């Protein structure tokens, strides 16, 4: 369903923005469920799930940027570049580093390593 009050606003851009909003809502619900670690298990599983969510969000932002370029919507492209794309790349880098450290800790006695990772790394990143 297209909006009736938009001027110079492509229907394709609107569909992609709606997809992005729905993905953000889905990610938000998933993040809320991560607060109960008993249900999710290990920190590694939780971090891998979070990384996959953020990669999906980043890809959707890139798709929206590509649609903006196709539709010659310079304002949309500038807005995405200024407020979302750079921050998303920084977040993916940080999460990738955390995931690499968690994989290095994966061994039969990983509980101590996971505890130290959570205590020393994640508490200081807030």
PDB file of N, CA and C in Angstrom:
ATOM      1  N   UNK A   1       0.847  -1.165   0.000  1.00  0.00           N
ATOM      2  CA  UNK A   1       0.000   0.000   0.000  1.00  0.00           C
ATOM      3  C   UNK A   1       0.900   1.237   0.000  1.00  0.00           C
ATOM      4  N   UNK A   2       0.693   2.077  -0.954  1.00  0.00           N
ATOM      5  CA  UNK A   2       1.560   3.239  -1.063  1.00  0.00           C
ATOM      6  C   UNK A   2       0.927   4.442  -0.379  1.00  0.00           C
ATOM      7  N   UNK A   3       1.795   5.296   0.139  1.00  0.00           N
ATOM      8  CA  UNK A   3       1.330   6.502   0.823  1.00  0.00           C
ATOM      9  C   UNK A   3       0.810   7.507  -0.192  1.00  0.00           C
ATOM     10  N   UNK A   4      -0.184   8.272   0.180  1.00  0.00           N
ATOM     11  CA  UNK A   4      -0.793   9.240  -0.726  1.00  0.00           C
ATOM     12  C   UNK A   4      -0.202  10.631  -0.555  1.00  0.00           C
ATOM     13  N   UNK A   5       0.587  10.864   0.484  1.00  0.00           N
ATOM     14  CA  UNK A   5       1.079  12.214   0.747  1.00  0.00           C
ATOM     15  C   UNK A   5       2.533  12.417   0.336  1.00  0.00           C
ATOM     16  N   UNK A   6       3.151  11.407  -0.273  1.00  0.00           N
ATOM     17  CA  UNK A   6       4.562  11.497  -0.631  1.00  0.00           C
ATOM     18  C   UNK A   6       4.744  12.205  -1.963  1.00  0.00           C
ATOM     19  N   UNK A   7       5.754  13.030  -2.031  1.00  0.00           N
ATOM     20  CA  UNK A   7       6.105  13.709  -3.263  1.00  0.00           C
ATOM     21  C   UNK A   7       7.531  13.312  -3.619  1.00  0.00           C
ATOM     22  N   UNK A   8       7.746  12.922  -4.868  1.00  0.00           N
ATOM     23  CA  UNK A   8       9.059  12.475  -5.329  1.00  0.00           C
ATOM     24  C   UNK A   8       9.599  11.335  -4.466  1.00  0.00           C
ATOM     25  N   UNK A   9       8.742  10.400  -4.145  1.00  0.00           N
ATOM     26  CA  UNK A   9       9.091   9.291  -3.265  1.00  0.00           C
ATOM     27  C   UNK A   9       8.694   8.010  -3.973  1.00  0.00           C
ATOM     28  N   UNK A  10       9.661   7.253  -4.409  1.00  0.00           N
ATOM     29  CA  UNK A  10       9.423   6.050  -5.192  1.00  0.00           C
ATOM     30  C   UNK A  10       8.710   4.981  -4.368  1.00  0.00           C
ATOM     31  N   UNK A  11       7.814   4.264  -5.019  1.00  0.00           N
ATOM     32  CA  UNK A  11       7.124   3.151  -4.353  1.00  0.00           C
ATOM     33  C   UNK A  11       8.125   2.054  -3.992  1.00  0.00           C
ATOM     34  N   UNK A  12       9.152   1.877  -4.816  1.00  0.00           N
ATOM     35  CA  UNK A  12      10.183   0.879  -4.542  1.00  0.00           C
ATOM     36  C   UNK A  12      10.970   1.235  -3.281  1.00  0.00           C
ATOM     37  N   UNK A  13      11.259   2.512  -3.091  1.00  0.00           N
ATOM     38  CA  UNK A  13      11.944   2.963  -1.873  1.00  0.00           C
ATOM     39  C   UNK A  13      11.052   2.719  -0.661  1.00  0.00           C
ATOM     40  N   UNK A  14       9.782   3.024  -0.805  1.00  0.00           N
ATOM     41  CA  UNK A  14       8.856   2.828   0.319  1.00  0.00           C
ATOM     42  C   UNK A  14       8.768   1.359   0.723  1.00  0.00           C
ATOM     43  N   UNK A  15       8.717   0.467  -0.251  1.00  0.00           N
ATOM     44  CA  UNK A  15       8.658  -0.969   0.046  1.00  0.00           C
ATOM     45  C   UNK A  15       9.930  -1.413   0.769  1.00  0.00           C
ATOM     46  N   UNK A  16      11.074  -0.929   0.322  1.00  0.00           N
ATOM     47  CA  UNK A  16      12.341  -1.305   0.948  1.00  0.00           C
ATOM     48  C   UNK A  16      12.454  -0.735   2.358  1.00  0.00           C
ATOM     49  N   UNK A  17      11.978   0.472   2.558  1.00  0.00           N
ATOM     50  CA  UNK A  17      11.975   1.061   3.911  1.00  0.00           C
ATOM     51  C   UNK A  17      11.065   0.259   4.833  1.00  0.00           C
ATOM     52  N   UNK A  18       9.904  -0.148   4.348  1.00  0.00           N
ATOM     53  CA  UNK A  18       9.002  -0.967   5.158  1.00  0.00           C
ATOM     54  C   UNK A  18       9.650  -2.298   5.524  1.00  0.00           C
ATOM     55  N   UNK A  19      10.390  -2.879   4.590  1.00  0.00           N
ATOM     56  CA  UNK A  19      11.119  -4.120   4.864  1.00  0.00           C
ATOM     57  C   UNK A  19      12.159  -3.895   5.960  1.00  0.00           C
ATOM     58  N   UNK A  20      12.872  -2.778   5.874  1.00  0.00           N
ATOM     59  CA  UNK A  20      13.882  -2.443   6.879  1.00  0.00           C
ATOM     60  C   UNK A  20      13.253  -2.246   8.257  1.00  0.00           C
ATOM     61  N   UNK A  21      12.137  -1.562   8.317  1.00  0.00           N
ATOM     62  CA  UNK A  21      11.446  -1.332   9.589  1.00  0.00           C
ATOM     63  C   UNK A  21      11.001  -2.662  10.193  1.00  0.00           C
ATOM     64  N   UNK A  22      10.435  -3.537   9.376  1.00  0.00           N
ATOM     65  CA  UNK A  22      10.011  -4.843   9.877  1.00  0.00           C
ATOM     66  C   UNK A  22      11.190  -5.659  10.379  1.00  0.00           C
ATOM     67  N   UNK A  23      12.309  -5.594   9.682  1.00  0.00           N
ATOM     68  CA  UNK A  23      13.504  -6.312  10.121  1.00  0.00           C
ATOM     69  C   UNK A  23      14.026  -5.747  11.443  1.00  0.00           C
ATOM     70  N   UNK A  24      13.986  -4.426  11.608  1.00  0.00           N
ATOM     71  CA  UNK A  24      14.401  -3.818  12.875  1.00  0.00           C
ATOM     72  C   UNK A  24      13.486  -4.246  14.021  1.00  0.00           C
ATOM     73  N   UNK A  25      12.200  -4.316  13.759  1.00  0.00           N
ATOM     74  CA  UNK A  25      11.275  -4.778  14.807  1.00  0.00           C
ATOM     75  C   UNK A  25      11.544  -6.226  15.182  1.00  0.00           C
ATOM     76  N   UNK A  26      11.761  -7.067  14.184  1.00  0.00           N
ATOM     77  CA  UNK A  26      12.054  -8.470  14.434  1.00  0.00           C
ATOM     78  C   UNK A  26      13.348  -8.608  15.230  1.00  0.00           C
ATOM     79  N   UNK A  27      14.370  -7.842  14.856  1.00  0.00           N
ATOM     80  CA  UNK A  27      15.640  -7.874  15.585  1.00  0.00           C
ATOM     81  C   UNK A  27      15.448  -7.408  17.022  1.00  0.00           C
ATOM     82  N   UNK A  28      14.634  -6.384  17.208  1.00  0.00           N
ATOM     83  CA  UNK A  28      14.371  -5.876  18.554  1.00  0.00           C
ATOM     84  C   UNK A  28      13.727  -6.950  19.429  1.00  0.00           C
ATOM     85  N   UNK A  29      12.745  -7.664  18.890  1.00  0.00           N
ATOM     86  CA  UNK A  29      12.110  -8.746  19.651  1.00  0.00           C
ATOM     87  C   UNK A  29      13.116  -9.851  19.976  1.00  0.00           C
ATOM     88  N   UNK A  30      13.987 -10.145  19.027  1.00  0.00           N
ATOM     89  CA  UNK A  30      15.003 -11.173  19.256  1.00  0.00           C
ATOM     90  C   UNK A  30      15.972 -10.723  20.334  1.00  0.00           C
ATOM     91  N   UNK A  31      16.406  -9.452  20.275  1.00  0.00           N
ATOM     92  CA  UNK A  31      17.324  -8.936  21.295  1.00  0.00           C
ATOM     93  C   UNK A  31      16.678  -8.967  22.680  1.00  0.00           C
ATOM     94  N   UNK A  32      15.393  -8.674  22.754  1.00  0.00           N
ATOM     95  CA  UNK A  32      14.714  -8.737  24.045  1.00  0.00           C
ATOM     96  C   UNK A  32      14.704 -10.158  24.595  1.00  0.00           C
ATOM     97  N   UNK A  33      14.615 -11.142  23.713  1.00  0.00           N
ATOM     98  CA  UNK A  33      14.621 -12.529  24.175  1.00  0.00           C
ATOM     99  C   UNK A  33      16.020 -12.971  24.607  1.00  0.00           C
ATOM    100  N   UNK A  34      17.060 -12.254  24.180  1.00  0.00           N
ATOM    101  CA  UNK A  34      18.431 -12.623  24.547  1.00  0.00           C
ATOM    102  C   UNK A  34      18.753 -12.313  25.997  1.00  0.00           C
ATOM    103  N   UNK A  35      17.907 -11.535  26.662  1.00  0.00           N
ATOM    104  CA  UNK A  35      18.201 -11.158  28.047  1.00  0.00           C
ATOM    105  C   UNK A  35      18.098 -12.348  28.979  1.00  0.00           C
ATOM    106  N   UNK A  36      17.412 -13.384  28.561  1.00  0.00           N
ATOM    107  CA  UNK A  36      17.322 -14.597  29.371  1.00  0.00           C
ATOM    108  C   UNK A  36      18.320 -15.608  28.827  1.00  0.00           C
ATOM    109  N   UNK A  37      19.525 -15.628  29.386  1.00  0.00           N
ATOM    110  CA  UNK A  37      20.577 -16.496  28.857  1.00  0.00           C
ATOM    111  C   UNK A  37      20.298 -17.969  29.111  1.00  0.00           C
ATOM    112  N   UNK A  38      19.433 -18.289  30.062  1.00  0.00           N
ATOM    113  CA  UNK A  38      19.106 -19.692  30.294  1.00  0.00           C
ATOM    114  C   UNK A  38      18.455 -20.308  29.062  1.00  0.00           C
ATOM    115  N   UNK A  39      17.673 -19.520  28.349  1.00  0.00           N
ATOM    116  CA  UNK A  39      17.001 -20.025  27.161  1.00  0.00           C
ATOM    117  C   UNK A  39      17.939 -20.106  25.966  1.00  0.00           C
ATOM    118  N   UNK A  40      18.948 -19.245  25.911  1.00  0.00           N
ATOM    119  CA  UNK A  40      19.822 -19.182  24.744  1.00  0.00           C
ATOM    120  C   UNK A  40      21.069 -20.038  24.900  1.00  0.00           C
ATOM    121  N   UNK A  41      21.427 -20.348  26.102  1.00  0.00           N
ATOM    122  CA  UNK A  41      22.610 -21.177  26.273  1.00  0.00           C
ATOM    123  C   UNK A  41      23.878 -20.368  26.365  1.00  0.00           C
ATOM    124  N   UNK A  42      24.851 -20.773  25.604  1.00  0.00           N
ATOM    125  CA  UNK A  42      26.187 -20.196  25.711  1.00  0.00           C
ATOM    126  C   UNK A  42      26.270 -18.805  25.096  1.00  0.00           C
ATOM    127  N   UNK A  43      27.265 -18.070  25.523  1.00  0.00           N
ATOM    128  CA  UNK A  43      27.532 -16.736  24.999  1.00  0.00           C
ATOM    129  C   UNK A  43      27.865 -16.795  23.517  1.00  0.00           C
ATOM    130  N   UNK A  44      28.578 -17.840  23.100  1.00  0.00           N
ATOM    131  CA  UNK A  44      28.944 -17.987  21.695  1.00  0.00           C
ATOM    132  C   UNK A  44      27.702 -18.082  20.816  1.00  0.00           C
ATOM    133  N   UNK A  45      26.717 -18.872  21.218  1.00  0.00           N
ATOM    134  CA  UNK A  45      25.482 -19.001  20.439  1.00  0.00           C
ATOM    135  C   UNK A  45      24.754 -17.668  20.342  1.00  0.00           C
ATOM    136  N   UNK A  46      24.684 -16.975  21.452  1.00  0.00           N
ATOM    137  CA  UNK A  46      24.018 -15.681  21.488  1.00  0.00           C
ATOM    138  C   UNK A  46      24.719 -14.674  20.586  1.00  0.00           C
ATOM    139  N   UNK A  47      26.040 -14.651  20.633  1.00  0.00           N
ATOM    140  CA  UNK A  47      26.803 -13.710  19.818  1.00  0.00           C
ATOM    141  C   UNK A  47      26.674 -14.045  18.336  1.00  0.00           C
ATOM    142  N   UNK A  48      26.674 -15.326  17.984  1.00  0.00           N
ATOM    143  CA  UNK A  48      26.493 -15.714  16.586  1.00  0.00           C
ATOM    144  C   UNK A  48      25.119 -15.299  16.067  1.00  0.00           C
ATOM    145  N   UNK A  49      24.094 -15.471  16.884  1.00  0.00           N
ATOM    146  CA  UNK A  49      22.745 -15.052  16.487  1.00  0.00           C
ATOM    147  C   UNK A  49      22.679 -13.543  16.294  1.00  0.00           C
ATOM    148  N   UNK A  50      23.279 -12.815  17.222  1.00  0.00           N
ATOM    149  CA  UNK A  50      23.299 -11.358  17.127  1.00  0.00           C
ATOM    150  C   UNK A  50      24.049 -10.901  15.885  1.00  0.00           C
ATOM    151  N   UNK A  51      25.163 -11.536  15.588  1.00  0.00           N
ATOM    152  CA  UNK A  51      25.949 -11.183  14.401  1.00  0.00           C
ATOM    153  C   UNK A  51      25.132 -11.412  13.129  1.00  0.00           C
ATOM    154  N   UNK A  52      24.411 -12.525  13.066  1.00  0.00           N
ATOM    155  CA  UNK A  52      23.583 -12.810  11.889  1.00  0.00           C
ATOM    156  C   UNK A  52      22.487 -11.755  11.727  1.00  0.00           C
ATOM    157  N   UNK A  53      21.883 -11.340  12.835  1.00  0.00           N
ATOM    158  CA  UNK A  53      20.854 -10.291  12.776  1.00  0.00           C
ATOM    159  C   UNK A  53      21.425  -8.988  12.255  1.00  0.00           C
ATOM    160  N   UNK A  54      22.581  -8.611  12.766  1.00  0.00           N
ATOM    161  CA  UNK A  54      23.192  -7.351  12.338  1.00  0.00           C
ATOM    162  C   UNK A  54      23.647  -7.408  10.878  1.00  0.00           C
ATOM    163  N   UNK A  55      24.101  -8.567  10.430  1.00  0.00           N
ATOM    164  CA  UNK A  55      24.458  -8.706   9.017  1.00  0.00           C
ATOM    165  C   UNK A  55      23.230  -8.547   8.128  1.00  0.00           C
ATOM    166  N   UNK A  56      22.097  -9.111   8.558  1.00  0.00           N
ATOM    167  CA  UNK A  56      20.843  -8.946   7.804  1.00  0.00           C
ATOM    168  C   UNK A  56      20.424  -7.483   7.757  1.00  0.00           C
ATOM    169  N   UNK A  57      20.531  -6.799   8.889  1.00  0.00           N
ATOM    170  CA  UNK A  57      20.181  -5.376   8.920  1.00  0.00           C
ATOM    171  C   UNK A  57      21.105  -4.565   8.014  1.00  0.00           C
ATOM    172  N   UNK A  58      22.388  -4.869   8.046  1.00  0.00           N
ATOM    173  CA  UNK A  58      23.342  -4.155   7.204  1.00  0.00           C
ATOM    174  C   UNK A  58      23.032  -4.386   5.726  1.00  0.00           C
ATOM    175  N   UNK A  59      22.727  -5.638   5.355  1.00  0.00           N
ATOM    176  CA  UNK A  59      22.414  -5.931   3.959  1.00  0.00           C
ATOM    177  C   UNK A  59      21.157  -5.207   3.514  1.00  0.00           C
ATOM    178  N   UNK A  60      20.175  -5.117   4.379  1.00  0.00           N
ATOM    179  CA  UNK A  60      18.948  -4.402   4.041  1.00  0.00           C
ATOM    180  C   UNK A  60      19.216  -2.909   3.878  1.00  0.00           C
ATOM    181  N   UNK A  61      20.079  -2.352   4.729  1.00  0.00           N
ATOM    182  CA  UNK A  61      20.474  -0.946   4.558  1.00  0.00           C
ATOM    183  C   UNK A  61      21.194  -0.735   3.234  1.00  0.00           C
ATOM    184  N   UNK A  62      22.077  -1.668   2.873  1.00  0.00           N
ATOM    185  CA  UNK A  62      22.773  -1.563   1.590  1.00  0.00           C
ATOM    186  C   UNK A  62      21.800  -1.676   0.412  1.00  0.00           C
ATOM    187  N   UNK A  63      20.801  -2.561   0.554  1.00  0.00           N
ATOM    188  CA  UNK A  63      19.781  -2.684  -0.490  1.00  0.00           C
ATOM    189  C   UNK A  63      18.988  -1.391  -0.630  1.00  0.00           C
ATOM    190  N   UNK A  64      18.642  -0.786   0.490  1.00  0.00           N
ATOM    191  CA  UNK A  64      17.912   0.478   0.460  1.00  0.00           C
ATOM    192  C   UNK A  64      18.762   1.573  -0.182  1.00  0.00           C
ATOM    193  N   UNK A  65      20.036   1.594   0.123  1.00  0.00           N
ATOM    194  CA  UNK A  65      20.937   2.577  -0.488  1.00  0.00           C
ATOM    195  C   UNK A  65      20.993   2.362  -2.006  1.00  0.00           C
ATOM    196  N   UNK A  66      21.065   1.100  -2.432  1.00  0.00           N
ATOM    197  CA  UNK A  66      21.092   0.801  -3.869  1.00  0.00           C
ATOM    198  C   UNK A  66      19.794   1.232  -4.554  1.00  0.00           C
ATOM    199  N   UNK A  67      18.677   1.030  -3.894  1.00  0.00           N
ATOM    200  CA  UNK A  67      17.392   1.470  -4.450  1.00  0.00           C
ATOM    201  C   UNK A  67      17.364   2.994  -4.532  1.00  0.00           C
ATOM    202  N   UNK A  68      17.887   3.653  -3.514  1.00  0.00           N
ATOM    203  CA  UNK A  68      17.966   5.111  -3.532  1.00  0.00           C
ATOM    204  C   UNK A  68      18.815   5.618  -4.687  1.00  0.00           C
ATOM    205  N   UNK A  69      19.925   4.933  -4.961  1.00  0.00           N
ATOM    206  CA  UNK A  69      20.761   5.311  -6.102  1.00  0.00           C
ATOM    207  C   UNK A  69      20.027   5.098  -7.421  1.00  0.00           C
ATOM    208  N   UNK A  70      19.336   3.970  -7.527  1.00  0.00           N
ATOM    209  CA  UNK A  70      18.589   3.661  -8.747  1.00  0.00           C
ATOM    210  C   UNK A  70      17.501   4.689  -9.000  1.00  0.00           C
ATOM    211  N   UNK A  71      16.854   5.124  -7.940  1.00  0.00           N
ATOM    212  CA  UNK A  71      15.751   6.091  -8.048  1.00  0.00           C
ATOM    213  C   UNK A  71      16.252   7.535  -7.980  1.00  0.00           C
ATOM    214  N   UNK A  72      17.547   7.720  -8.002  1.00  0.00           N
ATOM    215  CA  UNK A  72      18.198   9.037  -7.891  1.00  0.00           C
ATOM    216  C   UNK A  72      17.666   9.854  -6.718  1.00  0.00           C
ATOM    217  N   UNK A  73      17.601   9.202  -5.572  1.00  0.00           N
ATOM    218  CA  UNK A  73      17.164   9.862  -4.342  1.00  0.00           C
ATOM    219  C   UNK A  73      18.410  10.205  -3.521  1.00  0.00           C
ATOM    220  N   UNK A  74      19.010  11.338  -3.835  1.00  0.00           N
ATOM    221  CA  UNK A  74      20.262  11.736  -3.191  1.00  0.00           C
ATOM    222  C   UNK A  74      20.092  11.987  -1.697  1.00  0.00           C
ATOM    223  N   UNK A  75      18.938  12.507  -1.296  1.00  0.00           N
ATOM    224  CA  UNK A  75      18.707  12.793   0.123  1.00  0.00           C
ATOM    225  C   UNK A  75      18.677  11.503   0.939  1.00  0.00           C
ATOM    226  N   UNK A  76      18.017  10.485   0.410  1.00  0.00           N
ATOM    227  CA  UNK A  76      17.964   9.198   1.102  1.00  0.00           C
ATOM    228  C   UNK A  76      19.358   8.603   1.226  1.00  0.00           C
ATOM    229  N   UNK A  77      20.119   8.601   0.143  1.00  0.00           N
ATOM    230  CA  UNK A  77      21.472   8.046   0.162  1.00  0.00           C
ATOM    231  C   UNK A  77      22.355   8.785   1.163  1.00  0.00           C
ATOM    232  N   UNK A  78      22.274  10.094   1.171  1.00  0.00           N
ATOM    233  CA  UNK A  78      23.066  10.893   2.117  1.00  0.00           C
ATOM    234  C   UNK A  78      22.653  10.602   3.550  1.00  0.00           C
ATOM    235  N   UNK A  79      21.359  10.486   3.792  1.00  0.00           N
ATOM    236  CA  UNK A  79      20.856  10.191   5.131  1.00  0.00           C
ATOM    237  C   UNK A  79      21.366   8.833   5.612  1.00  0.00           C
ATOM    238  N   UNK A  80      21.293   7.830   4.748  1.00  0.00           N
ATOM    239  CA  UNK A  80      21.765   6.500   5.126  1.00  0.00           C
ATOM    240  C   UNK A  80      23.265   6.492   5.390  1.00  0.00           C
ATOM    241  N   UNK A  81      24.017   7.172   4.530  1.00  0.00           N
ATOM    242  CA  UNK A  81      25.466   7.231   4.713  1.00  0.00           C
ATOM    243  C   UNK A  81      25.844   7.974   5.991  1.00  0.00           C
ATOM    244  N   UNK A  82      25.126   9.035   6.289  1.00  0.00           N
ATOM    245  CA  UNK A  82      25.459   9.870   7.447  1.00  0.00           C
ATOM    246  C   UNK A  82      25.075   9.241   8.777  1.00  0.00           C
ATOM    247  N   UNK A  83      23.960   8.504   8.803  1.00  0.00           N
ATOM    248  CA  UNK A  83      23.417   8.068  10.092  1.00  0.00           C
ATOM    249  C   UNK A  83      23.428   6.562  10.334  1.00  0.00           C
ATOM    250  N   UNK A  84      23.552   5.751   9.294  1.00  0.00           N
ATOM    251  CA  UNK A  84      23.384   4.313   9.510  1.00  0.00           C
ATOM    252  C   UNK A  84      24.552   3.459   9.036  1.00  0.00           C
ATOM    253  N   UNK A  85      24.997   3.647   7.818  1.00  0.00           N
ATOM    254  CA  UNK A  85      25.941   2.700   7.228  1.00  0.00           C
ATOM    255  C   UNK A  85      27.271   2.657   7.967  1.00  0.00           C
ATOM    256  N   UNK A  86      27.823   3.791   8.300  1.00  0.00           N
ATOM    257  CA  UNK A  86      29.113   3.820   9.000  1.00  0.00           C
ATOM    258  C   UNK A  86      28.997   3.181  10.381  1.00  0.00           C
ATOM    259  N   UNK A  87      27.944   3.502  11.103  1.00  0.00           N
ATOM    260  CA  UNK A  87      27.753   2.932  12.445  1.00  0.00           C
ATOM    261  C   UNK A  87      27.562   1.422  12.379  1.00  0.00           C
ATOM    262  N   UNK A  88      26.853   0.959  11.362  1.00  0.00           N
ATOM    263  CA  UNK A  88      26.608  -0.478  11.226  1.00  0.00           C
ATOM    264  C   UNK A  88      27.919  -1.223  10.953  1.00  0.00           C
ATOM    265  N   UNK A  89      28.780  -0.653  10.137  1.00  0.00           N
ATOM    266  CA  UNK A  89      30.075  -1.273   9.848  1.00  0.00           C
ATOM    267  C   UNK A  89      30.926  -1.334  11.115  1.00  0.00           C
ATOM    268  N   UNK A  90      30.930  -0.266  11.891  1.00  0.00           N
ATOM    269  CA  UNK A  90      31.687  -0.259  13.147  1.00  0.00           C
ATOM    270  C   UNK A  90      31.164  -1.329  14.099  1.00  0.00           C
ATOM    271  N   UNK A  91      29.835  -1.455  14.181  1.00  0.00           N
ATOM    272  CA  UNK A  91      29.232  -2.462  15.054  1.00  0.00           C
ATOM    273  C   UNK A  91      29.583  -3.864  14.586  1.00  0.00           C
ATOM    274  N   UNK A  92      29.510  -4.116  13.289  1.00  0.00           N
ATOM    275  CA  UNK A  92      29.853  -5.439  12.762  1.00  0.00           C
ATOM    276  C   UNK A  92      31.315  -5.782  13.031  1.00  0.00           C
ATOM    277  N   UNK A  93      32.194  -4.820  12.917  1.00  0.00           N
ATOM    278  CA  UNK A  93      33.612  -5.043  13.205  1.00  0.00           C
ATOM    279  C   UNK A  93      33.809  -5.424  14.674  1.00  0.00           C
ATOM    280  N   UNK A  94      33.180  -4.675  15.559  1.00  0.00           N
ATOM    281  CA  UNK A  94      33.309  -4.934  16.995  1.00  0.00           C
ATOM    282  C   UNK A  94      32.749  -6.310  17.349  1.00  0.00           C
ATOM    283  N   UNK A  95      31.587  -6.627  16.798  1.00  0.00           N
ATOM    284  CA  UNK A  95      30.980  -7.926  17.074  1.00  0.00           C
ATOM    285  C   UNK A  95      31.813  -9.065  16.483  1.00  0.00           C
ATOM    286  N   UNK A  96      32.377  -8.837  15.297  1.00  0.00           N
ATOM    287  CA  UNK A  96      33.240  -9.845  14.695  1.00  0.00           C
ATOM    288  C   UNK A  96      34.460 -10.118  15.554  1.00  0.00           C
ATOM    289  N   UNK A  97      35.028  -9.065  16.122  1.00  0.00           N
ATOM    290  CA  UNK A  97      36.172  -9.234  17.032  1.00  0.00           C
ATOM    291  C   UNK A  97      35.775 -10.044  18.262  1.00  0.00           C
ATOM    292  N   UNK A  98      34.610  -9.733  18.824  1.00  0.00           N
ATOM    293  CA  UNK A  98      34.130 -10.490  19.990  1.00  0.00           C
ATOM    294  C   UNK A  98      33.898 -11.951  19.620  1.00  0.00           C
ATOM    295  N   UNK A  99      33.313 -12.182  18.465  1.00  0.00           N
ATOM    296  CA  UNK A  99      33.040 -13.544  18.025  1.00  0.00           C
ATOM    297  C   UNK A  99      34.337 -14.320  17.817  1.00  0.00           C
ATOM    298  N   UNK A 100      35.337 -13.690  17.255  1.00  0.00           N
ATOM    299  CA  UNK A 100      36.642 -14.326  17.072  1.00  0.00           C
ATOM    300  C   UNK A 100      37.236 -14.712  18.419  1.00  0.00           C
ATOM    301  N   UNK A 101      37.164 -13.812  19.391  1.00  0.00           N
ATOM    302  CA  UNK A 101      37.686 -14.126  20.735  1.00  0.00           C
ATOM    303  C   UNK A 101      36.927 -15.276  21.369  1.00  0.00           C
ATOM    304  N   UNK A 102      35.617 -15.320  21.179  1.00  0.00           N
ATOM    305  CA  UNK A 102      34.835 -16.420  21.746  1.00  0.00           C
ATOM    306  C   UNK A 102      35.183 -17.750  21.081  1.00  0.00           C
ATOM    307  N   UNK A 103      35.413 -17.735  19.775  1.00  0.00           N
ATOM    308  CA  UNK A 103      35.816 -18.969  19.098  1.00  0.00           C
ATOM    309  C   UNK A 103      37.172 -19.455  19.604  1.00  0.00           C
ATOM    310  N   UNK A 104      38.050 -18.537  19.925  1.00  0.00           N
ATOM    311  CA  UNK A 104      39.355 -18.917  20.466  1.00  0.00           C
ATOM    312  C   UNK A 104      39.220 -19.570  21.841  1.00  0.00           C
ATOM    313  N   UNK A 105      38.181 -19.200  22.563  1.00  0.00           N
ATOM    314  CA  UNK A 105      37.969 -19.746  23.899  1.00  0.00           C
ATOM    315  C   UNK A 105      37.229 -21.083  23.889  1.00  0.00           C
ATOM    316  N   UNK A 106      36.728 -21.487  22.725  1.00  0.00           N
ATOM    317  CA  UNK A 106      35.907 -22.702  22.639  1.00  0.00           C
ATOM    318  C   UNK A 106      36.782 -23.935  22.857  1.00  0.00           C
ATOM    319  N   UNK A 107      36.621 -24.525  24.004  1.00  0.00           N
ATOM    320  CA  UNK A 107      37.300 -25.776  24.347  1.00  0.00           C
ATOM    321  C   UNK A 107      36.480 -26.444  25.441  1.00  0.00           C
ATOM    322  N   UNK A 108      36.857 -27.637  25.864  1.00  0.00           N
ATOM    323  CA  UNK A 108      36.050 -28.314  26.890  1.00  0.00           C
ATOM    324  C   UNK A 108      35.890 -27.522  28.191  1.00  0.00           C
ATOM    325  N   UNK A 109      36.845 -26.637  28.503  1.00  0.00           N
ATOM    326  CA  UNK A 109      36.739 -25.863  29.731  1.00  0.00           C
ATOM    327  C   UNK A 109      36.387 -24.413  29.409  1.00  0.00           C
ATOM    328  N   UNK A 110      35.508 -24.212  28.452  1.00  0.00           N
ATOM    329  CA  UNK A 110      35.204 -22.866  27.954  1.00  0.00           C
ATOM    330  C   UNK A 110      34.373 -22.036  28.931  1.00  0.00           C
ATOM    331  N   UNK A 111      33.776 -22.651  29.929  1.00  0.00           N
ATOM    332  CA  UNK A 111      32.928 -21.875  30.830  1.00  0.00           C
ATOM    333  C   UNK A 111      33.707 -20.785  31.545  1.00  0.00           C
ATOM    334  N   UNK A 112      34.918 -21.075  31.946  1.00  0.00           N
ATOM    335  CA  UNK A 112      35.730 -20.049  32.593  1.00  0.00           C
ATOM    336  C   UNK A 112      36.071 -18.949  31.593  1.00  0.00           C
ATOM    337  N   UNK A 113      36.413 -19.337  30.375  1.00  0.00           N
ATOM    338  CA  UNK A 113      36.724 -18.353  29.341  1.00  0.00           C
ATOM    339  C   UNK A 113      35.527 -17.482  29.007  1.00  0.00           C
ATOM    340  N   UNK A 114      34.345 -18.100  28.895  1.00  0.00           N
ATOM    341  CA  UNK A 114      33.130 -17.326  28.627  1.00  0.00           C
ATOM    342  C   UNK A 114      32.818 -16.378  29.772  1.00  0.00           C
ATOM    343  N   UNK A 115      33.004 -16.856  31.000  1.00  0.00           N
ATOM    344  CA  UNK A 115      32.755 -15.999  32.151  1.00  0.00           C
ATOM    345  C   UNK A 115      33.679 -14.778  32.106  1.00  0.00           C
ATOM    346  N   UNK A 116      34.959 -15.019  31.874  1.00  0.00           N
ATOM    347  CA  UNK A 116      35.915 -13.913  31.820  1.00  0.00           C
ATOM    348  C   UNK A 116      35.615 -12.975  30.651  1.00  0.00           C
ATOM    349  N   UNK A 117      35.219 -13.534  29.500  1.00  0.00           N
ATOM    350  CA  UNK A 117      34.870 -12.706  28.350  1.00  0.00           C
ATOM    351  C   UNK A 117      33.693 -11.798  28.684  1.00  0.00           C
ATOM    352  N   UNK A 118      32.639 -12.375  29.256  1.00  0.00           N
ATOM    353  CA  UNK A 118      31.462 -11.580  29.624  1.00  0.00           C
ATOM    354  C   UNK A 118      31.828 -10.522  30.654  1.00  0.00           C
ATOM    355  N   UNK A 119      32.591 -10.908  31.627  1.00  0.00           N
ATOM    356  CA  UNK A 119      32.943 -10.012  32.732  1.00  0.00           C
ATOM    357  C   UNK A 119      33.851  -8.860  32.290  1.00  0.00           C
ATOM    358  N   UNK A 120      34.861  -9.182  31.498  1.00  0.00           N
ATOM    359  CA  UNK A 120      35.869  -8.189  31.149  1.00  0.00           C
ATOM    360  C   UNK A 120      35.580  -7.435  29.853  1.00  0.00           C
ATOM    361  N   UNK A 121      34.924  -8.070  28.899  1.00  0.00           N
ATOM    362  CA  UNK A 121      34.721  -7.442  27.595  1.00  0.00           C
ATOM    363  C   UNK A 121      33.338  -6.819  27.471  1.00  0.00           C
ATOM    364  N   UNK A 122      32.318  -7.616  27.667  1.00  0.00           N
ATOM    365  CA  UNK A 122      30.966  -7.109  27.426  1.00  0.00           C
ATOM    366  C   UNK A 122      30.532  -6.068  28.436  1.00  0.00           C
ATOM    367  N   UNK A 123      30.958  -6.160  29.667  1.00  0.00           N
ATOM    368  CA  UNK A 123      30.563  -5.177  30.684  1.00  0.00           C
ATOM    369  C   UNK A 123      31.171  -3.817  30.401  1.00  0.00           C
ATOM    370  N   UNK A 124      32.351  -3.793  29.770  1.00  0.00           N
ATOM    371  CA  UNK A 124      33.039  -2.526  29.482  1.00  0.00           C
ATOM    372  C   UNK A 124      32.604  -1.906  28.166  1.00  0.00           C
ATOM    373  N   UNK A 125      31.864  -2.649  27.334  1.00  0.00           N
ATOM    374  CA  UNK A 125      31.441  -2.121  26.036  1.00  0.00           C
ATOM    375  C   UNK A 125      30.169  -1.290  26.127  1.00  0.00           C
ATOM    376  N   UNK A 126      29.491  -1.322  27.227  1.00  0.00           N
ATOM    377  CA  UNK A 126      28.225  -0.579  27.347  1.00  0.00           C
ATOM    378  C   UNK A 126      28.476   0.839  27.328  1.00  0.00           C
TER     379      UNK A 126
END
